[in-house]
Amino acid sequence: MAPNDVEIDEVNDVGQVQVLDCQVCCQPIELTTYQHGDDIQIEAEREND
């Protein structure tokens, strides 16, 4: 499986949900960005799940 390239803006993307097309299967993926202290966590889910 090939990775998807994702750019995260540490100021504007935290707490937001982005919908991107998977670069492998072209299906929509929802990315949610969280910040825990100095760490940033990204949660990815298929939009159709």
PDB file of N, CA and C in Angstrom:
ATOM      1  N   MET A   1       0.849  -1.171   0.000  1.00  0.00           N
ATOM      2  CA  MET A   1       0.000   0.000   0.000  1.00  0.00           C
ATOM      3  C   MET A   1       0.895   1.235   0.000  1.00  0.00           C
ATOM      4  N   ALA A   2       0.567   2.196  -0.817  1.00  0.00           N
ATOM      5  CA  ALA A   2       1.327   3.435  -0.905  1.00  0.00           C
ATOM      6  C   ALA A   2       0.802   4.441   0.119  1.00  0.00           C
ATOM      7  N   PRO A   3       1.698   5.219   0.722  1.00  0.00           N
ATOM      8  CA  PRO A   3       1.251   6.230   1.681  1.00  0.00           C
ATOM      9  C   PRO A   3       0.632   7.433   0.975  1.00  0.00           C
ATOM     10  N   ASN A   4      -0.229   8.127   1.672  1.00  0.00           N
ATOM     11  CA  ASN A   4      -0.784   9.393   1.199  1.00  0.00           C
ATOM     12  C   ASN A   4       0.046  10.523   1.794  1.00  0.00           C
ATOM     13  N   ASP A   5       0.364  11.531   0.995  1.00  0.00           N
ATOM     14  CA  ASP A   5       1.064  12.712   1.484  1.00  0.00           C
ATOM     15  C   ASP A   5       0.036  13.702   1.999  1.00  0.00           C
ATOM     16  N   VAL A   6       0.226  14.155   3.236  1.00  0.00           N
ATOM     17  CA  VAL A   6      -0.707  15.089   3.858  1.00  0.00           C
ATOM     18  C   VAL A   6       0.102  16.210   4.493  1.00  0.00           C
ATOM     19  N   GLU A   7      -0.295  17.450   4.235  1.00  0.00           N
ATOM     20  CA  GLU A   7       0.330  18.596   4.888  1.00  0.00           C
ATOM     21  C   GLU A   7      -0.614  19.105   5.964  1.00  0.00           C
ATOM     22  N   ILE A   8      -0.077  19.315   7.169  1.00  0.00           N
ATOM     23  CA  ILE A   8      -0.872  19.794   8.291  1.00  0.00           C
ATOM     24  C   ILE A   8      -0.361  21.169   8.701  1.00  0.00           C
ATOM     25  N   ASP A   9      -1.265  22.123   8.786  1.00  0.00           N
ATOM     26  CA  ASP A   9      -0.954  23.456   9.293  1.00  0.00           C
ATOM     27  C   ASP A   9      -1.200  23.417  10.800  1.00  0.00           C
ATOM     28  N   GLU A  10      -0.140  23.518  11.593  1.00  0.00           N
ATOM     29  CA  GLU A  10      -0.250  23.375  13.045  1.00  0.00           C
ATOM     30  C   GLU A  10      -1.134  24.438  13.684  1.00  0.00           C
ATOM     31  N   VAL A  11      -1.319  25.569  13.022  1.00  0.00           N
ATOM     32  CA  VAL A  11      -2.124  26.653  13.583  1.00  0.00           C
ATOM     33  C   VAL A  11      -3.594  26.508  13.197  1.00  0.00           C
ATOM     34  N   ASN A  12      -3.866  26.237  11.927  1.00  0.00           N
ATOM     35  CA  ASN A  12      -5.244  26.277  11.433  1.00  0.00           C
ATOM     36  C   ASN A  12      -5.936  24.925  11.315  1.00  0.00           C
ATOM     37  N   ASP A  13      -5.210  23.819  11.274  1.00  0.00           N
ATOM     38  CA  ASP A  13      -5.832  22.516  11.028  1.00  0.00           C
ATOM     39  C   ASP A  13      -6.212  21.757  12.294  1.00  0.00           C
ATOM     40  N   VAL A  14      -5.669  22.131  13.452  1.00  0.00           N
ATOM     41  CA  VAL A  14      -5.958  21.417  14.697  1.00  0.00           C
ATOM     42  C   VAL A  14      -7.434  21.595  15.045  1.00  0.00           C
ATOM     43  N   GLY A  15      -8.108  20.485  15.308  1.00  0.00           N
ATOM     44  CA  GLY A  15      -9.527  20.495  15.643  1.00  0.00           C
ATOM     45  C   GLY A  15     -10.443  20.518  14.432  1.00  0.00           C
ATOM     46  N   GLN A  16      -9.886  20.448  13.249  1.00  0.00           N
ATOM     47  CA  GLN A  16     -10.666  20.499  12.019  1.00  0.00           C
ATOM     48  C   GLN A  16     -10.766  19.111  11.390  1.00  0.00           C
ATOM     49  N   VAL A  17     -11.797  18.916  10.579  1.00  0.00           N
ATOM     50  CA  VAL A  17     -11.956  17.690   9.801  1.00  0.00           C
ATOM     51  C   VAL A  17     -11.753  18.053   8.338  1.00  0.00           C
ATOM     52  N   GLN A  18     -10.863  17.327   7.677  1.00  0.00           N
ATOM     53  CA  GLN A  18     -10.619  17.527   6.252  1.00  0.00           C
ATOM     54  C   GLN A  18     -11.064  16.274   5.511  1.00  0.00           C
ATOM     55  N   VAL A  19     -11.619  16.440   4.336  1.00  0.00           N
ATOM     56  CA  VAL A  19     -11.985  15.306   3.496  1.00  0.00           C
ATOM     57  C   VAL A  19     -11.059  15.330   2.290  1.00  0.00           C
ATOM     58  N   LEU A  20     -10.267  14.258   2.152  1.00  0.00           N
ATOM     59  CA  LEU A  20      -9.305  14.132   1.061  1.00  0.00           C
ATOM     60  C   LEU A  20      -9.602  12.871   0.270  1.00  0.00           C
ATOM     61  N   ASP A  21      -9.201  12.854  -0.979  1.00  0.00           N
ATOM     62  CA  ASP A  21      -9.302  11.635  -1.781  1.00  0.00           C
ATOM     63  C   ASP A  21      -8.067  10.784  -1.538  1.00  0.00           C
ATOM     64  N   CYS A  22      -8.271   9.507  -1.251  1.00  0.00           N
ATOM     65  CA  CYS A  22      -7.165   8.573  -1.089  1.00  0.00           C
ATOM     66  C   CYS A  22      -6.396   8.499  -2.403  1.00  0.00           C
ATOM     67  N   GLN A  23      -5.073   8.604  -2.342  1.00  0.00           N
ATOM     68  CA  GLN A  23      -4.245   8.571  -3.535  1.00  0.00           C
ATOM     69  C   GLN A  23      -4.127   7.167  -4.109  1.00  0.00           C
ATOM     70  N   VAL A  24      -4.578   6.168  -3.363  1.00  0.00           N
ATOM     71  CA  VAL A  24      -4.514   4.781  -3.827  1.00  0.00           C
ATOM     72  C   VAL A  24      -5.842   4.345  -4.439  1.00  0.00           C
ATOM     73  N   CYS A  25      -6.944   4.539  -3.688  1.00  0.00           N
ATOM     74  CA  CYS A  25      -8.239   4.016  -4.141  1.00  0.00           C
ATOM     75  C   CYS A  25      -9.229   5.103  -4.573  1.00  0.00           C
ATOM     76  N   CYS A  26      -8.851   6.368  -4.455  1.00  0.00           N
ATOM     77  CA  CYS A  26      -9.676   7.521  -4.861  1.00  0.00           C
ATOM     78  C   CYS A  26     -10.964   7.666  -4.055  1.00  0.00           C
ATOM     79  N   GLN A  27     -11.092   6.967  -2.939  1.00  0.00           N
ATOM     80  CA  GLN A  27     -12.257   7.107  -2.069  1.00  0.00           C
ATOM     81  C   GLN A  27     -11.996   8.233  -1.064  1.00  0.00           C
ATOM     82  N   PRO A  28     -13.044   8.915  -0.597  1.00  0.00           N
ATOM     83  CA  PRO A  28     -12.856   9.997   0.367  1.00  0.00           C
ATOM     84  C   PRO A  28     -12.411   9.478   1.735  1.00  0.00           C
ATOM     85  N   ILE A  29     -11.489  10.213   2.340  1.00  0.00           N
ATOM     86  CA  ILE A  29     -10.983   9.912   3.678  1.00  0.00           C
ATOM     87  C   ILE A  29     -11.178  11.157   4.532  1.00  0.00           C
ATOM     88  N   GLU A  30     -11.727  10.985   5.735  1.00  0.00           N
ATOM     89  CA  GLU A  30     -11.859  12.091   6.679  1.00  0.00           C
ATOM     90  C   GLU A  30     -10.649  12.091   7.600  1.00  0.00           C
ATOM     91  N   LEU A  31      -9.935  13.207   7.641  1.00  0.00           N
ATOM     92  CA  LEU A  31      -8.802  13.364   8.539  1.00  0.00           C
ATOM     93  C   LEU A  31      -9.182  14.357   9.627  1.00  0.00           C
ATOM     94  N   THR A  32      -9.027  13.948  10.875  1.00  0.00           N
ATOM     95  CA  THR A  32      -9.270  14.828  12.008  1.00  0.00           C
ATOM     96  C   THR A  32      -7.937  15.026  12.709  1.00  0.00           C
ATOM     97  N   THR A  33      -7.598  16.281  12.995  1.00  0.00           N
ATOM     98  CA  THR A  33      -6.313  16.616  13.602  1.00  0.00           C
ATOM     99  C   THR A  33      -6.536  17.060  15.041  1.00  0.00           C
ATOM    100  N   TYR A  34      -5.790  16.455  15.972  1.00  0.00           N
ATOM    101  CA  TYR A  34      -5.868  16.784  17.390  1.00  0.00           C
ATOM    102  C   TYR A  34      -4.492  17.208  17.873  1.00  0.00           C
ATOM    103  N   GLN A  35      -4.460  18.037  18.910  1.00  0.00           N
ATOM    104  CA  GLN A  35      -3.191  18.388  19.535  1.00  0.00           C
ATOM    105  C   GLN A  35      -3.241  17.988  20.996  1.00  0.00           C
ATOM    106  N   HIS A  36      -2.202  17.281  21.435  1.00  0.00           N
ATOM    107  CA  HIS A  36      -2.050  16.861  22.824  1.00  0.00           C
ATOM    108  C   HIS A  36      -0.707  17.387  23.301  1.00  0.00           C
ATOM    109  N   GLY A  37      -0.706  18.529  23.991  1.00  0.00           N
ATOM    110  CA  GLY A  37       0.552  19.149  24.395  1.00  0.00           C
ATOM    111  C   GLY A  37       1.309  19.603  23.159  1.00  0.00           C
ATOM    112  N   ASP A  38       2.534  19.121  23.003  1.00  0.00           N
ATOM    113  CA  ASP A  38       3.347  19.470  21.835  1.00  0.00           C
ATOM    114  C   ASP A  38       3.164  18.487  20.687  1.00  0.00           C
ATOM    115  N   ASP A  39       2.394  17.424  20.895  1.00  0.00           N
ATOM    116  CA  ASP A  39       2.203  16.394  19.870  1.00  0.00           C
ATOM    117  C   ASP A  39       0.935  16.656  19.062  1.00  0.00           C
ATOM    118  N   ILE A  40       0.996  16.315  17.778  1.00  0.00           N
ATOM    119  CA  ILE A  40      -0.173  16.396  16.907  1.00  0.00           C
ATOM    120  C   ILE A  40      -0.535  14.985  16.484  1.00  0.00           C
ATOM    121  N   GLN A  41      -1.816  14.645  16.594  1.00  0.00           N
ATOM    122  CA  GLN A  41      -2.315  13.322  16.230  1.00  0.00           C
ATOM    123  C   GLN A  41      -3.306  13.479  15.089  1.00  0.00           C
ATOM    124  N   ILE A  42      -3.211  12.596  14.105  1.00  0.00           N
ATOM    125  CA  ILE A  42      -4.131  12.601  12.972  1.00  0.00           C
ATOM    126  C   ILE A  42      -4.911  11.301  12.982  1.00  0.00           C
ATOM    127  N   GLU A  43      -6.230  11.408  12.934  1.00  0.00           N
ATOM    128  CA  GLU A  43      -7.103  10.237  12.860  1.00  0.00           C
ATOM    129  C   GLU A  43      -7.689  10.186  11.453  1.00  0.00           C
ATOM    130  N   ALA A  44      -7.560   9.048  10.799  1.00  0.00           N
ATOM    131  CA  ALA A  44      -8.063   8.889   9.433  1.00  0.00           C
ATOM    132  C   ALA A  44      -9.142   7.816   9.410  1.00  0.00           C
ATOM    133  N   GLU A  45     -10.269   8.140   8.769  1.00  0.00           N
ATOM    134  CA  GLU A  45     -11.372   7.195   8.607  1.00  0.00           C
ATOM    135  C   GLU A  45     -11.911   7.313   7.197  1.00  0.00           C
ATOM    136  N   ARG A  46     -12.332   6.182   6.642  1.00  0.00           N
ATOM    137  CA  ARG A  46     -13.014   6.241   5.350  1.00  0.00           C
ATOM    138  C   ARG A  46     -14.351   6.929   5.553  1.00  0.00           C
ATOM    139  N   GLU A  47     -14.695   7.815   4.646  1.00  0.00           N
ATOM    140  CA  GLU A  47     -15.925   8.587   4.786  1.00  0.00           C
ATOM    141  C   GLU A  47     -17.159   7.696   4.759  1.00  0.00           C
ATOM    142  N   ASN A  48     -17.103   6.583   4.060  1.00  0.00           N
ATOM    143  CA  ASN A  48     -18.267   5.712   3.891  1.00  0.00           C
ATOM    144  C   ASN A  48     -18.435   4.687   5.002  1.00  0.00           C
ATOM    145  N   ASP A  49     -17.584   4.701   6.021  1.00  0.00           N
ATOM    146  CA  ASP A  49     -17.692   3.731   7.118  1.00  0.00           C
ATOM    147  C   ASP A  49     -18.616   4.222   8.199  1.00  0.00           C
TER     148      ASP A  49
END
